């Protein structure tokens, strides 16, 4: 008997992270993998990363598109409702035995909401993290409460999921899945990267830049991206590979500014998406990573590459020694960039700790999923696990 397992991917970021697990599920004879694709994968303006999925050889079971009409929180709320409806239709027709989802984005929250209301068990990857500056924070914790299995990235996240009332016997510290690509994807040299994308220029050091909206701060994106650009302009001898923002409220405005400003700067390359292989290779060979993406907190330190982490979007995550946190202010960002390039800091980054696991996450997740599917003891009536502590 083959067990139908649905995995949802909504962006270039989560597909790259999920890919090793998807390949294991695809090879497992007892599982029928159903990959549901949604979000920015289907949006041409954001690189149409559907092509990357097709090139991976993993078959797409469903494409669930949604119109992102506008760039506001109102639009994001309206779209979330539409995505819940679309996934309700899909799950009603297909009825998977398990939904596997990663992270905290609004389209993932929507898919989880539909599944939970329809009694479909959910396995949630990367719960228990904290990101105080984004709506991801409460979406992630909400998904945790809808889920049956929890695959967390570190010991702190495991404690938080249990504190949310989830039974410890359903919470598994398997490490951050994003690290798996870092050890499994064959490295591409700086020269091959230049051949593929025409950048960075020969003989030039470069930084990888990704800046997303800080969704719990009102109308901050335009000002903060302006401060970042001012800081970047102070380093004419450094090339910048800029990947576009996600589809959260405020992302379209940020992307318009990147594209508009890039036309007058020879040391920038603005690209919708590098794809997992090129992104990993770009980070591996970079002088530093700049912005407010989780990849600067989790993936860059694995290669001992310094990170300049701007503002509050990732506030609350574990920050290792190679991460420099700064305010979204041009002077502070520029100071952080100078520090990241300093020989003493590079030496410190080379010795940075690695608290997010060993890069073998999918290998640990698969047997737990198989045991869950074959045990015959799937109980959707969760009891709240009370933690004994004093406040």
Protein backbone atom coordinates (compact mmCIF):
# COMPACT_ATOMS: atom_id res chain seq x y z
CA UNK A 1 0.00 0.00 0.00
CA UNK A 2 1.34 3.44 -0.92
CA UNK A 3 0.61 6.35 1.38
CA UNK A 4 -0.25 9.65 -0.37
CA UNK A 5 1.84 12.44 1.16
CA UNK A 6 1.35 16.05 0.02
CA UNK A 7 4.19 18.56 0.28
CA UNK A 8 3.48 22.24 -0.39
CA UNK A 9 6.08 24.66 -1.73
CA UNK A 10 5.35 28.37 -2.16
CA UNK A 11 8.69 30.01 -2.88
CA UNK A 12 12.21 29.58 -4.23
CA UNK A 13 13.45 29.51 -0.63
CA UNK A 14 11.34 26.67 0.73
CA UNK A 15 11.69 24.50 -2.39
CA UNK A 16 15.47 24.61 -2.19
CA UNK A 17 15.31 23.68 1.48
CA UNK A 18 12.73 20.91 0.93
CA UNK A 19 14.42 19.38 -2.11
CA UNK A 20 16.50 16.71 -0.29
CA UNK A 21 13.42 15.51 1.61
CA UNK A 22 11.30 15.57 -1.57
CA UNK A 23 13.85 13.35 -3.33
CA UNK A 24 13.82 10.88 -0.43
CA UNK A 25 10.02 10.79 -0.40
CA UNK A 26 9.99 10.31 -4.17
CA UNK A 27 12.35 7.30 -3.90
CA UNK A 28 10.46 5.69 -1.00
CA UNK A 29 8.35 2.79 -2.46
CA UNK A 30 5.66 3.03 0.23
CA UNK A 31 4.96 6.74 -0.38
CA UNK A 32 3.11 8.44 -3.20
CA UNK A 33 4.56 11.95 -3.28
CA UNK A 34 2.17 14.74 -4.30
CA UNK A 35 3.91 18.08 -4.71
CA UNK A 36 1.56 21.08 -4.64
CA UNK A 37 3.12 24.25 -6.04
CA UNK A 38 1.83 27.72 -5.21
CA UNK A 39 2.96 31.28 -4.43
CA UNK A 40 5.84 33.00 -6.16
CA UNK A 41 6.76 29.84 -8.08
CA UNK A 42 3.97 30.75 -10.48
CA UNK A 43 4.77 34.46 -10.73
CA UNK A 44 6.90 35.51 -13.68
CA UNK A 45 8.00 38.77 -12.04
CA UNK A 46 9.68 36.80 -9.25
CA UNK A 47 11.68 34.54 -11.52
CA UNK A 48 9.01 31.94 -12.30
CA UNK A 49 10.88 29.38 -10.20
CA UNK A 50 8.53 26.68 -11.40
CA UNK A 51 11.29 25.99 -13.93
CA UNK A 52 13.66 25.04 -11.13
CA UNK A 53 11.16 22.47 -9.83
CA UNK A 54 10.71 20.96 -13.29
CA UNK A 55 14.48 20.70 -13.73
CA UNK A 56 14.77 18.80 -10.43
CA UNK A 57 12.83 15.85 -11.88
CA UNK A 58 10.26 15.95 -9.07
CA UNK A 59 6.79 15.74 -10.66
CA UNK A 60 4.29 18.49 -9.88
CA UNK A 61 0.94 17.14 -8.76
CA UNK A 62 -0.95 20.46 -8.60
CA UNK A 63 -0.43 24.15 -9.35
CA UNK A 64 -2.43 26.39 -7.06
CA UNK A 65 -2.03 29.98 -8.19
CA UNK A 66 -3.36 33.14 -6.62
CA UNK A 67 -3.49 36.76 -7.78
CA UNK A 68 -1.41 39.14 -5.64
CA UNK A 69 -3.46 42.25 -6.40
CA UNK A 70 -1.67 45.02 -4.57
CA UNK A 71 1.19 45.31 -2.15
CA UNK A 72 -0.61 45.87 1.14
CA UNK A 73 -1.46 43.92 4.27
CA UNK A 74 -5.09 44.05 3.12
CA UNK A 75 -4.08 42.27 -0.11
CA UNK A 76 -2.14 39.66 1.85
CA UNK A 77 -5.14 39.00 4.10
CA UNK A 78 -7.51 38.71 1.11
CA UNK A 79 -5.15 36.37 -0.73
CA UNK A 80 -4.75 34.19 2.35
CA UNK A 81 -8.49 33.57 2.37
CA UNK A 82 -8.47 32.71 -1.34
CA UNK A 83 -5.59 30.26 -0.84
CA UNK A 84 -7.42 28.53 2.04
CA UNK A 85 -10.37 28.01 -0.31
CA UNK A 86 -8.20 26.67 -3.14
CA UNK A 87 -6.42 24.21 -0.89
CA UNK A 88 -9.73 23.09 0.61
CA UNK A 89 -10.86 22.14 -2.92
CA UNK A 90 -7.57 20.37 -3.61
CA UNK A 91 -7.53 18.41 -0.33
CA UNK A 92 -11.19 17.47 -0.75
CA UNK A 93 -10.42 15.93 -4.14
CA UNK A 94 -7.10 14.26 -3.26
CA UNK A 95 -7.28 13.55 0.51
CA UNK A 96 -3.60 12.96 1.40
CA UNK A 97 -2.76 10.98 4.53
CA UNK A 98 -0.21 13.59 5.58
CA UNK A 99 0.60 17.20 4.67
CA UNK A 100 4.27 18.20 4.99
CA UNK A 101 4.97 21.93 5.15
CA UNK A 102 7.93 24.13 6.01
CA UNK A 103 8.13 27.45 7.77
CA UNK A 104 5.80 30.32 8.23
CA UNK A 105 4.69 32.12 5.07
CA UNK A 106 1.06 33.16 4.61
CA UNK A 107 0.42 30.68 1.77
CA UNK A 108 1.80 27.86 3.97
CA UNK A 109 -0.43 29.03 6.80
CA UNK A 110 -3.39 28.96 4.38
CA UNK A 111 -2.65 25.40 3.24
CA UNK A 112 -2.25 24.31 6.87
CA UNK A 113 -5.54 25.93 7.87
CA UNK A 114 -7.43 24.06 5.15
CA UNK A 115 -5.79 20.75 6.07
CA UNK A 116 -6.34 21.13 9.82
CA UNK A 117 -10.03 22.00 9.41
CA UNK A 118 -10.44 18.96 7.15
CA UNK A 119 -8.76 16.57 9.59
CA UNK A 120 -5.59 15.99 7.54
CA UNK A 121 -2.54 15.52 9.78
CA UNK A 122 0.29 18.01 9.32
CA UNK A 123 4.04 17.57 9.73
CA UNK A 124 5.63 20.99 10.30
CA UNK A 125 9.30 21.66 9.61
CA UNK A 126 11.17 24.55 11.29
CA UNK A 127 8.61 25.44 13.94
CA UNK A 128 9.61 26.98 17.25
CA UNK A 129 11.83 29.68 15.73
CA UNK A 130 11.25 33.33 16.57
CA UNK A 131 11.32 36.30 14.17
CA UNK A 132 9.89 39.25 16.05
CA UNK A 133 9.80 41.68 13.11
CA UNK A 134 7.52 39.74 10.77
CA UNK A 135 4.03 38.26 10.63
CA UNK A 136 5.91 34.99 10.14
CA UNK A 137 6.23 34.91 13.95
CA UNK A 138 2.55 34.33 14.73
CA UNK A 139 1.88 32.39 11.53
CA UNK A 140 4.64 29.93 12.46
CA UNK A 141 3.29 29.40 15.98
CA UNK A 142 -0.26 29.04 14.62
CA UNK A 143 0.92 26.34 12.22
CA UNK A 144 2.59 24.59 15.17
CA UNK A 145 -0.75 24.34 16.96
CA UNK A 146 -2.39 22.87 13.84
CA UNK A 147 0.34 20.24 13.38
CA UNK A 148 0.75 16.70 14.65
CA UNK A 149 4.47 16.15 13.98
CA UNK A 150 7.16 18.77 14.57
CA UNK A 151 10.62 18.72 12.98
CA UNK A 152 12.58 21.55 14.59
CA UNK A 153 16.01 22.98 13.83
CA UNK A 154 17.63 23.35 17.24
CA UNK A 155 17.18 22.68 20.97
CA UNK A 156 15.77 26.15 21.68
CA UNK A 157 13.05 25.67 19.05
CA UNK A 158 12.17 22.27 20.52
CA UNK A 159 11.64 23.86 23.94
CA UNK A 160 9.40 26.56 22.46
CA UNK A 161 7.20 24.05 20.61
CA UNK A 162 6.76 22.06 23.84
CA UNK A 163 6.02 25.33 25.68
CA UNK A 164 3.22 25.86 23.14
CA UNK A 165 1.63 22.70 24.52
CA UNK A 166 2.90 20.10 22.06
CA UNK A 167 3.77 16.70 23.50
CA UNK A 168 7.54 16.05 23.58
CA UNK A 169 7.09 12.65 21.92
CA UNK A 170 5.94 14.44 18.74
CA UNK A 171 8.77 17.02 18.65
CA UNK A 172 12.00 15.99 16.93
CA UNK A 173 15.20 18.04 16.80
CA UNK A 174 16.46 17.08 13.33
CA UNK A 175 18.48 20.23 12.57
CA UNK A 176 17.77 22.96 10.05
CA UNK A 177 16.92 21.43 6.65
CA UNK A 178 18.55 24.33 4.81
CA UNK A 179 21.97 22.99 5.77
CA UNK A 180 21.45 19.78 3.82
CA UNK A 181 21.85 21.51 0.46
CA UNK A 182 25.08 23.05 1.67
CA UNK A 183 26.72 19.65 1.94
CA UNK A 184 24.87 17.88 -0.89
CA UNK A 185 25.01 20.44 -3.72
CA UNK A 186 28.33 20.25 -5.59
CA UNK A 187 30.08 23.60 -5.26
CA UNK A 188 30.25 25.90 -8.28
CA UNK A 189 33.33 28.08 -8.57
CA UNK A 190 33.21 31.86 -8.68
CA UNK A 191 34.28 31.62 -12.34
CA UNK A 192 31.40 29.24 -13.20
CA UNK A 193 28.94 31.51 -11.39
CA UNK A 194 30.21 34.44 -13.47
CA UNK A 195 29.77 32.36 -16.62
CA UNK A 196 26.17 31.52 -15.64
CA UNK A 197 24.93 34.97 -14.60
CA UNK A 198 27.60 37.35 -15.91
CA UNK A 199 28.54 38.45 -12.40
CA UNK A 200 30.50 39.22 -10.24
CA UNK A 201 33.02 40.97 -12.43
CA UNK A 202 36.43 39.37 -12.79
CA UNK A 203 38.78 40.00 -9.91
CA UNK A 204 36.06 41.58 -7.75
CA UNK A 205 34.90 40.62 -4.28
CA UNK A 206 31.11 40.55 -3.90
CA UNK A 207 28.28 40.37 -1.39
CA UNK A 208 24.91 38.61 -1.70
CA UNK A 209 22.02 40.91 -0.74
CA UNK A 210 18.43 39.90 0.09
CA UNK A 211 16.03 42.28 1.81
CA UNK A 212 12.41 41.42 2.63
CA UNK A 213 9.60 43.58 4.06
CA UNK A 214 9.44 43.85 7.83
CA UNK A 215 5.74 43.10 7.96
CA UNK A 216 5.11 44.11 11.57
CA UNK A 217 6.47 47.60 10.92
CA UNK A 218 4.20 50.04 9.09
CA UNK A 219 5.48 51.39 5.75
CA UNK A 220 9.14 50.85 6.65
CA UNK A 221 10.29 49.09 3.48
CA UNK A 222 10.94 52.13 1.28
CA UNK A 223 12.92 53.99 3.95
CA UNK A 224 14.94 50.95 5.01
CA UNK A 225 15.86 49.95 1.46
CA UNK A 226 16.93 53.56 0.87
CA UNK A 227 19.25 53.39 3.87
CA UNK A 228 20.68 50.07 2.65
CA UNK A 229 21.36 51.50 -0.82
CA UNK A 230 23.12 54.51 0.69
CA UNK A 231 25.36 52.14 2.63
CA UNK A 232 26.09 49.98 -0.43
CA UNK A 233 27.09 53.08 -2.41
CA UNK A 234 29.94 53.65 0.06
CA UNK A 235 31.65 50.48 -1.24
CA UNK A 236 32.29 51.02 -4.98
CA UNK A 237 35.00 48.33 -4.96
CA UNK A 238 32.52 45.66 -3.87
CA UNK A 239 30.07 44.00 -6.29
CA UNK A 240 26.54 43.20 -5.08
CA UNK A 241 24.34 40.29 -6.23
CA UNK A 242 20.81 41.32 -5.21
CA UNK A 243 17.99 38.76 -5.16
CA UNK A 244 14.45 40.12 -5.15
CA UNK A 245 12.08 40.21 -2.19
CA UNK A 246 9.26 37.77 -1.51
CA UNK A 247 5.54 38.42 -2.10
CA UNK A 248 4.75 39.72 1.39
CA UNK A 249 3.09 43.12 1.78
CA UNK A 250 5.65 45.73 0.74
CA UNK A 251 7.71 43.35 -1.39
CA UNK A 252 6.63 44.82 -4.72
CA UNK A 253 7.73 48.29 -3.65
CA UNK A 254 11.15 46.99 -2.58
CA UNK A 255 11.60 45.18 -5.88
CA UNK A 256 10.65 48.27 -7.89
CA UNK A 257 13.32 50.26 -6.07
CA UNK A 258 16.00 47.60 -6.66
CA UNK A 259 15.24 47.51 -10.39
CA UNK A 260 15.05 51.27 -10.73
CA UNK A 261 18.29 51.96 -8.86
CA UNK A 262 20.28 49.15 -10.50
CA UNK A 263 20.29 50.86 -13.89
CA UNK A 264 22.78 53.47 -12.65
CA UNK A 265 25.12 51.11 -10.79
CA UNK A 266 27.63 48.91 -12.59
CA UNK A 267 28.56 47.04 -9.42
CA UNK A 268 25.04 45.63 -8.93
CA UNK A 269 23.30 42.63 -10.45
CA UNK A 270 19.59 42.44 -9.55
CA UNK A 271 18.19 38.99 -10.26
CA UNK A 272 14.74 37.58 -9.34
CA UNK A 273 16.14 34.21 -8.23
CA UNK A 274 19.49 32.44 -8.39
CA UNK A 275 18.01 28.98 -7.85
CA UNK A 276 19.22 26.70 -5.05
CA UNK A 277 22.47 25.54 -6.66
CA UNK A 278 23.65 29.00 -7.73
CA UNK A 279 22.48 30.61 -4.49
CA UNK A 280 24.45 28.15 -2.36
CA UNK A 281 27.51 28.64 -4.55
CA UNK A 282 27.12 32.43 -4.47
CA UNK A 283 26.97 32.46 -0.66
CA UNK A 284 29.87 30.02 -0.33
CA UNK A 285 32.20 32.33 -2.29
CA UNK A 286 30.84 35.68 -1.07
CA UNK A 287 32.65 38.28 0.97
CA UNK A 288 29.50 38.48 3.09
CA UNK A 289 25.69 38.17 3.07
CA UNK A 290 23.71 41.38 3.65
CA UNK A 291 20.01 41.89 4.40
CA UNK A 292 17.36 40.36 6.63
CA UNK A 293 16.81 36.87 5.23
CA UNK A 294 17.03 33.73 7.39
CA UNK A 295 19.70 32.40 5.03
CA UNK A 296 22.11 34.92 6.57
CA UNK A 297 21.37 33.49 10.00
CA UNK A 298 21.39 29.77 9.15
CA UNK A 299 23.13 29.01 5.85
CA UNK A 300 25.87 31.66 5.64
CA UNK A 301 27.40 30.75 9.04
CA UNK A 302 27.71 27.13 7.88
CA UNK A 303 30.31 28.36 5.36
CA UNK A 304 31.79 30.75 7.95
CA UNK A 305 30.73 33.65 5.70
CA UNK A 306 30.01 36.88 7.65
CA UNK A 307 26.44 38.18 7.75
CA UNK A 308 25.25 41.77 8.10
CA UNK A 309 21.76 41.31 9.53
CA UNK A 310 19.68 44.48 9.23
CA UNK A 311 16.82 45.50 11.51
CA UNK A 312 14.25 43.45 13.38
CA UNK A 313 12.97 40.90 10.87
CA UNK A 314 15.10 38.05 12.25
CA UNK A 315 15.17 39.32 15.84
CA UNK A 316 14.78 36.43 18.27
CA UNK A 317 16.71 33.83 16.27
CA UNK A 318 19.97 32.35 17.51
CA UNK A 319 22.75 34.59 16.20
CA UNK A 320 26.18 32.95 15.96
CA UNK A 321 29.46 34.81 16.13
CA UNK A 322 29.65 35.48 12.37
CA UNK A 323 26.39 37.50 12.36
CA UNK A 324 26.63 41.28 12.81
CA UNK A 325 23.29 42.84 13.74
CA UNK A 326 22.76 46.50 12.88
CA UNK A 327 20.00 49.10 12.69
CA UNK A 328 18.34 49.90 9.32
CA UNK A 329 20.42 53.05 9.14
CA UNK A 330 22.98 53.82 6.40
CA UNK A 331 25.78 54.66 8.83
CA UNK A 332 25.19 51.59 10.98
CA UNK A 333 24.92 49.29 7.94
CA UNK A 334 28.13 50.71 6.45
CA UNK A 335 29.95 50.20 9.77
CA UNK A 336 28.74 46.58 9.84
CA UNK A 337 29.95 46.00 6.26
CA UNK A 338 33.39 47.40 7.15
CA UNK A 339 33.53 45.13 10.21
CA UNK A 340 32.56 42.08 8.12
CA UNK A 341 35.50 42.76 5.79
CA UNK A 342 38.03 43.20 8.60
CA UNK A 343 40.65 40.40 8.85
CA UNK A 344 40.05 39.96 12.59
CA UNK A 345 36.31 39.45 12.06
CA UNK A 346 36.89 37.02 9.19
CA UNK A 347 39.07 35.01 11.55
CA UNK A 348 36.27 35.05 14.14
CA UNK A 349 33.70 33.99 11.50
CA UNK A 350 35.94 31.08 10.48
CA UNK A 351 35.53 29.67 13.99
CA UNK A 352 31.80 30.38 14.36
CA UNK A 353 29.65 27.71 16.03
CA UNK A 354 27.06 25.63 14.19
CA UNK A 355 23.98 25.16 16.41
CA UNK A 356 21.59 24.06 13.65
CA UNK A 357 22.51 20.42 13.15
CA UNK A 358 24.75 18.35 10.91
CA UNK A 359 23.05 18.71 7.52
CA UNK A 360 21.38 15.25 7.53
CA UNK A 361 17.85 16.44 8.25
CA UNK A 362 15.85 14.54 5.59
CA UNK A 363 17.58 11.31 6.58
CA UNK A 364 16.19 11.79 10.10
CA UNK A 365 12.71 12.93 9.04
CA UNK A 366 11.83 10.09 6.64
CA UNK A 367 11.73 7.18 9.15
CA UNK A 368 9.62 9.25 11.56
CA UNK A 369 7.10 9.96 8.80
CA UNK A 370 7.05 6.28 7.78
CA UNK A 371 6.48 5.16 11.37
CA UNK A 372 3.63 7.68 11.72
CA UNK A 373 1.94 6.52 8.51
CA UNK A 374 2.25 2.80 9.24
CA UNK A 375 1.59 2.75 13.00
CA UNK A 376 -2.18 2.88 12.65
CA UNK A 377 -2.35 5.14 15.69
CA UNK A 378 -3.03 8.50 14.07
CA UNK A 379 -4.95 10.48 16.68
CA UNK A 380 -6.04 13.99 15.71
CA UNK A 381 -7.29 14.70 19.25
CA UNK A 382 -4.17 16.27 20.69
CA UNK A 383 -3.89 16.80 24.41
CA UNK A 384 -2.28 20.04 25.60
CA UNK A 385 1.06 19.30 27.22
CA UNK A 386 1.39 21.48 30.32
CA UNK A 387 4.90 22.63 31.15
CA UNK A 388 5.53 22.97 34.87
CA UNK A 389 7.05 26.38 35.52
CA UNK A 390 6.49 29.54 37.50
CA UNK A 391 5.94 32.97 35.97
